[in-house]
Amino acid sequence: MSKSVFKSILKLFSEYSFYAQKGKGDASTVLAKKNLDLQSFLKSFHSFDVFTYALVDVSDLKIIKVGDTFKQITGYEPALFEGKGFHTILKLHKIQDIFKSIKGGNQYFKYLYALPKKNRPFVKANRTLDLIKANGTKIHVLVQGIPVLFNEKMEVILFLLICTDISAIKTDHKFTHFIIDASDENEIKKIYIDHSELENNNEKVPSSAEIKILVNLSHGLSSKMIADKLFISEHTVKTHRKNMLKKFQCASSSELIRKAITKGWI
């Protein structure tokens, strides 16, 4: 990850943590956590083959628990995430989608805390985005972020993130983000979050053949090894690499790979 990308994420996350941790340290936050019967609360959210969940504590920026089907869907052991900080989700999503998720999270909190306190439990945030499994394959998921525990000031403590594999019904894999405000049952609002400023529709992207080369380069394979694996000539591999260095204005293969990962090409 480049320094500029890291600084951009840090700036967005700093704003996010300001809003997310509004309830941190409040006595009623501590009491609400203490009185929560976690197992009783979660027993309704077990089992479906395309569905899992994560319960997260935004006041401490930690993942408390993930659902029983988490490993089945993602390939990751729950222990890698439970009790860990939000940084662990970096392995699950493309950097671009992390940017958009944090930006959308900031907008969600601004919207939430502008509402009367009695309305806040009825406002959730939905995202559709790619989830990168442990084996490197991607599925497209709907993540519904529902606030489920508040302190006395109606500042959010816990979110239930319901994650559903929708790859079979949404094949474009496009990132979407919107707020659902159901505080008025006569007028349920859907507020789309605009991420166009984070996208460059004219940006050059690698071809399918170039992506195959990039994936294998990222695994540390030499030109000859890639050629043997893809049943092409070593000259073709080197030509692709040379063209990509020029196309994406990179000085080395390592820079090219970093860019491919940052942009979500691989």
Protein backbone atom coordinates (compact mmCIF):
# COMPACT_ATOMS: atom_id res chain seq x y z
CA MET A 1 0.00 0.00 0.00
CA SER A 2 1.45 3.38 -1.00
CA LYS A 3 1.89 6.20 1.53
CA SER A 4 -0.72 8.35 -0.23
CA VAL A 5 -3.30 5.54 -0.11
CA PHE A 6 -2.50 4.88 3.56
CA LYS A 7 -2.83 8.58 4.45
CA SER A 8 -6.16 8.81 2.64
CA ILE A 9 -7.53 5.79 4.50
CA LEU A 10 -6.19 7.16 7.80
CA LYS A 11 -7.94 10.49 7.25
CA LEU A 12 -11.27 8.86 6.42
CA PHE A 13 -10.99 6.39 9.29
CA SER A 14 -10.12 9.16 11.76
CA GLU A 15 -13.43 10.84 10.94
CA TYR A 16 -15.23 7.50 11.08
CA SER A 17 -13.83 6.63 14.53
CA PHE A 18 -14.85 10.09 15.84
CA TYR A 19 -18.50 9.33 15.09
CA ALA A 20 -18.40 5.58 15.76
CA GLN A 21 -16.85 6.02 19.20
CA LYS A 22 -19.13 8.79 20.47
CA GLY A 23 -20.38 6.48 23.21
CA LYS A 24 -16.94 5.25 24.31
CA GLY A 25 -16.28 5.72 28.02
CA ASP A 26 -19.86 6.66 28.89
CA ALA A 27 -21.14 4.86 32.00
CA SER A 28 -24.34 3.82 30.24
CA THR A 29 -22.27 2.27 27.44
CA VAL A 30 -20.44 0.07 29.94
CA LEU A 31 -23.74 -0.87 31.61
CA ALA A 32 -25.47 -1.70 28.32
CA LYS A 33 -22.64 -4.04 27.32
CA LYS A 34 -22.67 -5.69 30.74
CA ASN A 35 -26.41 -6.35 30.64
CA LEU A 36 -26.48 -7.73 27.09
CA ASP A 37 -27.26 -11.46 26.95
CA LEU A 38 -25.15 -12.09 23.86
CA GLN A 39 -25.97 -15.76 23.28
CA SER A 40 -29.69 -15.18 23.65
CA PHE A 41 -29.51 -12.23 21.27
CA LEU A 42 -27.59 -14.13 18.59
CA LYS A 43 -29.45 -17.45 18.65
CA SER A 44 -31.87 -16.21 15.97
CA PHE A 45 -29.05 -15.55 13.51
CA HIS A 46 -27.59 -19.03 12.93
CA SER A 47 -27.41 -21.39 9.98
CA PHE A 48 -28.20 -20.40 6.33
CA ASP A 49 -25.75 -21.49 3.67
CA VAL A 50 -25.50 -18.08 1.96
CA PHE A 51 -25.75 -16.02 5.12
CA THR A 52 -23.53 -15.13 8.05
CA TYR A 53 -23.18 -12.25 10.48
CA ALA A 54 -20.71 -10.25 12.50
CA LEU A 55 -21.48 -8.41 15.72
CA VAL A 56 -19.19 -5.40 16.05
CA ASP A 57 -18.56 -2.94 18.87
CA VAL A 58 -18.03 0.45 17.23
CA SER A 59 -17.30 2.12 20.56
CA ASP A 60 -14.13 0.00 20.77
CA LEU A 61 -13.75 -0.64 17.00
CA LYS A 62 -13.69 -4.40 17.59
CA ILE A 63 -15.37 -7.49 16.15
CA ILE A 64 -17.10 -9.37 18.97
CA LYS A 65 -18.42 -12.48 17.22
CA VAL A 66 -19.03 -13.91 13.76
CA GLY A 67 -21.72 -16.41 12.74
CA ASP A 68 -21.40 -20.19 12.62
CA THR A 69 -21.36 -20.19 8.80
CA PHE A 70 -18.56 -17.62 8.60
CA LYS A 71 -15.87 -20.19 7.78
CA GLN A 72 -18.13 -21.98 5.30
CA ILE A 73 -18.75 -18.76 3.37
CA THR A 74 -15.37 -17.00 3.66
CA GLY A 75 -12.90 -19.84 4.23
CA TYR A 76 -11.43 -17.98 7.22
CA GLU A 77 -11.32 -19.23 10.80
CA PRO A 78 -13.54 -17.09 13.09
CA ALA A 79 -10.64 -16.80 15.57
CA LEU A 80 -8.79 -14.59 13.07
CA PHE A 81 -11.51 -11.95 13.53
CA GLU A 82 -13.29 -12.43 16.87
CA GLY A 83 -11.94 -10.07 19.51
CA LYS A 84 -9.77 -8.32 16.92
CA GLY A 85 -9.80 -4.73 15.64
CA PHE A 86 -11.44 -3.45 12.47
CA HIS A 87 -8.08 -3.64 10.66
CA THR A 88 -8.65 -7.38 10.20
CA ILE A 89 -11.37 -6.75 7.60
CA LEU A 90 -8.74 -5.32 5.22
CA LYS A 91 -8.06 -8.85 3.97
CA LEU A 92 -11.74 -9.31 3.05
CA HIS A 93 -12.21 -6.40 0.65
CA LYS A 94 -10.53 -4.43 -2.13
CA ILE A 95 -8.82 -1.21 -1.06
CA GLN A 96 -11.21 0.86 -3.21
CA ASP A 97 -14.19 -0.70 -1.45
CA ILE A 98 -12.61 -0.02 1.96
CA PHE A 99 -12.35 3.66 0.97
CA LYS A 100 -15.99 3.76 -0.07
CA SER A 101 -17.19 1.87 2.99
CA ILE A 102 -15.48 4.27 5.41
CA LYS A 103 -16.69 7.32 3.48
CA GLY A 104 -20.23 5.94 3.49
CA GLY A 105 -19.94 5.11 7.17
CA ASN A 106 -19.08 8.73 7.92
CA GLN A 107 -22.15 9.89 6.00
CA TYR A 108 -24.32 7.35 7.82
CA PHE A 109 -23.23 8.58 11.25
CA LYS A 110 -23.74 12.23 10.29
CA TYR A 111 -27.26 11.37 9.14
CA LEU A 112 -27.97 9.24 12.22
CA TYR A 113 -26.87 11.81 14.79
CA ALA A 114 -28.84 14.57 13.07
CA LEU A 115 -32.04 12.62 13.81
CA PRO A 116 -34.12 12.73 17.00
CA LYS A 117 -32.91 10.08 19.45
CA LYS A 118 -36.13 8.05 19.22
CA ASN A 119 -35.61 7.56 15.46
CA ARG A 120 -32.05 6.23 15.56
CA PRO A 121 -32.76 2.50 16.13
CA PHE A 122 -34.60 2.36 12.79
CA VAL A 123 -31.78 3.55 10.54
CA LYS A 124 -29.43 1.03 8.91
CA ALA A 125 -26.75 1.11 6.22
CA ASN A 126 -26.61 -1.37 3.33
CA ARG A 127 -23.67 -2.12 1.04
CA THR A 128 -23.14 -4.47 -1.89
CA LEU A 129 -19.48 -5.26 -2.52
CA ASP A 130 -17.02 -8.04 -3.27
CA LEU A 131 -15.78 -10.24 -0.45
CA ILE A 132 -12.40 -11.89 -0.99
CA LYS A 133 -12.38 -15.45 0.33
CA ALA A 134 -9.37 -17.14 1.92
CA ASN A 135 -8.60 -18.94 -1.35
CA GLY A 136 -8.51 -15.63 -3.27
CA THR A 137 -11.84 -16.05 -5.07
CA LYS A 138 -14.49 -13.35 -4.79
CA ILE A 139 -18.18 -13.44 -4.01
CA HIS A 140 -20.57 -10.49 -4.14
CA VAL A 141 -22.34 -9.84 -0.86
CA LEU A 142 -25.04 -7.65 0.63
CA VAL A 143 -23.97 -6.33 4.04
CA GLN A 144 -26.74 -4.84 6.17
CA GLY A 145 -25.46 -2.79 9.10
CA ILE A 146 -28.11 -2.58 11.82
CA PRO A 147 -27.58 -0.68 15.10
CA VAL A 148 -28.70 -3.02 17.89
CA LEU A 149 -27.40 -1.50 21.14
CA PHE A 150 -27.32 2.13 22.29
CA ASN A 151 -26.33 3.93 25.48
CA GLU A 152 -28.61 6.35 27.36
CA LYS A 153 -27.64 9.18 24.99
CA MET A 154 -28.71 6.97 22.06
CA GLU A 155 -25.15 6.73 20.79
CA VAL A 156 -24.52 3.46 18.96
CA ILE A 157 -22.51 0.76 20.71
CA LEU A 158 -23.12 -2.41 18.70
CA PHE A 159 -23.91 -3.10 15.06
CA LEU A 160 -25.15 -6.39 13.67
CA LEU A 161 -23.70 -6.88 10.17
CA ILE A 162 -25.77 -9.40 8.22
CA CYS A 163 -23.77 -10.64 5.24
CA THR A 164 -25.51 -12.50 2.39
CA ASP A 165 -23.94 -14.01 -0.74
CA ILE A 166 -25.87 -12.46 -3.65
CA SER A 167 -23.47 -13.48 -6.42
CA ALA A 168 -26.18 -15.49 -8.18
CA ILE A 169 -28.64 -12.59 -8.37
CA LYS A 170 -26.34 -9.56 -8.74
CA THR A 171 -23.72 -10.35 -11.33
CA ASP A 172 -22.31 -6.88 -12.06
CA HIS A 173 -20.30 -6.82 -8.77
CA LYS A 174 -20.75 -3.04 -8.59
CA PHE A 175 -20.24 -1.38 -5.20
CA THR A 176 -23.42 0.29 -3.93
CA HIS A 177 -24.08 1.99 -0.61
CA PHE A 178 -27.29 3.38 0.82
CA ILE A 179 -28.98 4.34 4.07
CA ILE A 180 -32.42 2.92 4.95
CA ASP A 181 -34.42 5.13 7.30
CA ALA A 182 -37.51 3.27 8.53
CA SER A 183 -38.21 5.59 11.47
CA ASP A 184 -41.46 6.65 9.76
CA GLU A 185 -43.33 3.50 8.73
CA ASN A 186 -45.45 5.55 6.33
CA GLU A 187 -42.40 6.81 4.44
CA ILE A 188 -39.38 4.53 4.44
CA LYS A 189 -36.47 6.46 2.96
CA LYS A 190 -33.63 5.05 0.86
CA ILE A 191 -30.71 7.48 0.62
CA TYR A 192 -28.01 6.54 -1.88
CA ILE A 193 -24.42 7.45 -1.04
CA ASP A 194 -22.55 8.88 -4.01
CA HIS A 195 -19.06 7.47 -4.49
CA SER A 196 -18.44 8.88 -7.97
CA GLU A 197 -15.67 11.17 -6.71
CA LEU A 198 -13.69 8.07 -5.72
CA GLU A 199 -14.08 6.51 -9.15
CA ASN A 200 -12.35 7.26 -12.42
CA ASN A 201 -14.39 5.80 -15.26
CA ASN A 202 -11.72 6.78 -17.80
CA GLU A 203 -8.94 5.02 -15.95
CA LYS A 204 -7.01 2.39 -17.85
CA VAL A 205 -7.54 -1.16 -16.64
CA PRO A 206 -5.68 -4.37 -17.50
CA SER A 207 -7.07 -6.83 -20.01
CA SER A 208 -8.05 -10.36 -18.96
CA ALA A 209 -4.73 -11.66 -20.33
CA GLU A 210 -2.81 -9.00 -18.39
CA ILE A 211 -4.68 -9.86 -15.19
CA LYS A 212 -3.56 -13.48 -15.49
CA ILE A 213 0.03 -12.28 -15.75
CA LEU A 214 -0.42 -9.91 -12.79
CA VAL A 215 -1.90 -12.62 -10.57
CA ASN A 216 1.04 -14.92 -11.23
CA LEU A 217 3.58 -12.11 -10.81
CA SER A 218 2.02 -11.36 -7.42
CA HIS A 219 2.64 -15.00 -6.46
CA GLY A 220 6.35 -14.52 -7.13
CA LEU A 221 6.53 -16.61 -10.30
CA SER A 222 9.23 -15.92 -12.89
CA SER A 223 8.43 -15.19 -16.54
CA LYS A 224 9.37 -18.75 -17.49
CA MET A 225 7.20 -20.25 -14.74
CA ILE A 226 4.25 -18.09 -15.79
CA ALA A 227 4.75 -19.05 -19.42
CA ASP A 228 4.74 -22.76 -18.55
CA LYS A 229 1.67 -22.38 -16.36
CA LEU A 230 -0.35 -20.41 -18.94
CA PHE A 231 0.94 -22.37 -21.96
CA ILE A 232 2.33 -19.27 -23.66
CA SER A 233 5.84 -18.22 -24.62
CA GLU A 234 8.19 -16.54 -22.18
CA HIS A 235 8.53 -13.74 -24.74
CA THR A 236 4.75 -13.13 -24.54
CA VAL A 237 4.91 -12.87 -20.75
CA LYS A 238 7.79 -10.38 -20.90
CA THR A 239 5.99 -8.35 -23.57
CA HIS A 240 2.84 -8.16 -21.43
CA ARG A 241 4.91 -7.08 -18.44
CA LYS A 242 6.76 -4.42 -20.44
CA ASN A 243 3.52 -3.07 -21.91
CA MET A 244 1.86 -2.92 -18.49
CA LEU A 245 4.78 -1.03 -16.96
CA LYS A 246 4.37 1.58 -19.67
CA LYS A 247 0.55 1.53 -19.65
CA PHE A 248 0.26 2.05 -15.90
CA GLN A 249 3.38 4.21 -15.52
CA CYS A 250 5.20 1.90 -13.11
CA ALA A 251 8.96 1.68 -12.70
CA SER A 252 9.08 -1.95 -11.57
CA SER A 253 7.07 -5.15 -11.30
CA SER A 254 6.69 -4.65 -7.53
CA GLU A 255 5.16 -1.21 -8.10
CA LEU A 256 2.89 -2.69 -10.76
CA ILE A 257 1.70 -5.41 -8.37
CA ARG A 258 1.08 -2.86 -5.58
CA LYS A 259 -1.00 -0.81 -7.97
CA ALA A 260 -2.96 -3.87 -9.11
CA ILE A 261 -3.79 -4.75 -5.51
CA THR A 262 -4.64 -1.16 -4.56
CA LYS A 263 -6.93 -0.75 -7.56
CA GLY A 264 -8.61 -4.08 -6.94
CA TRP A 265 -7.57 -5.58 -10.30
CA ILE A 266 -6.35 -8.75 -8.59
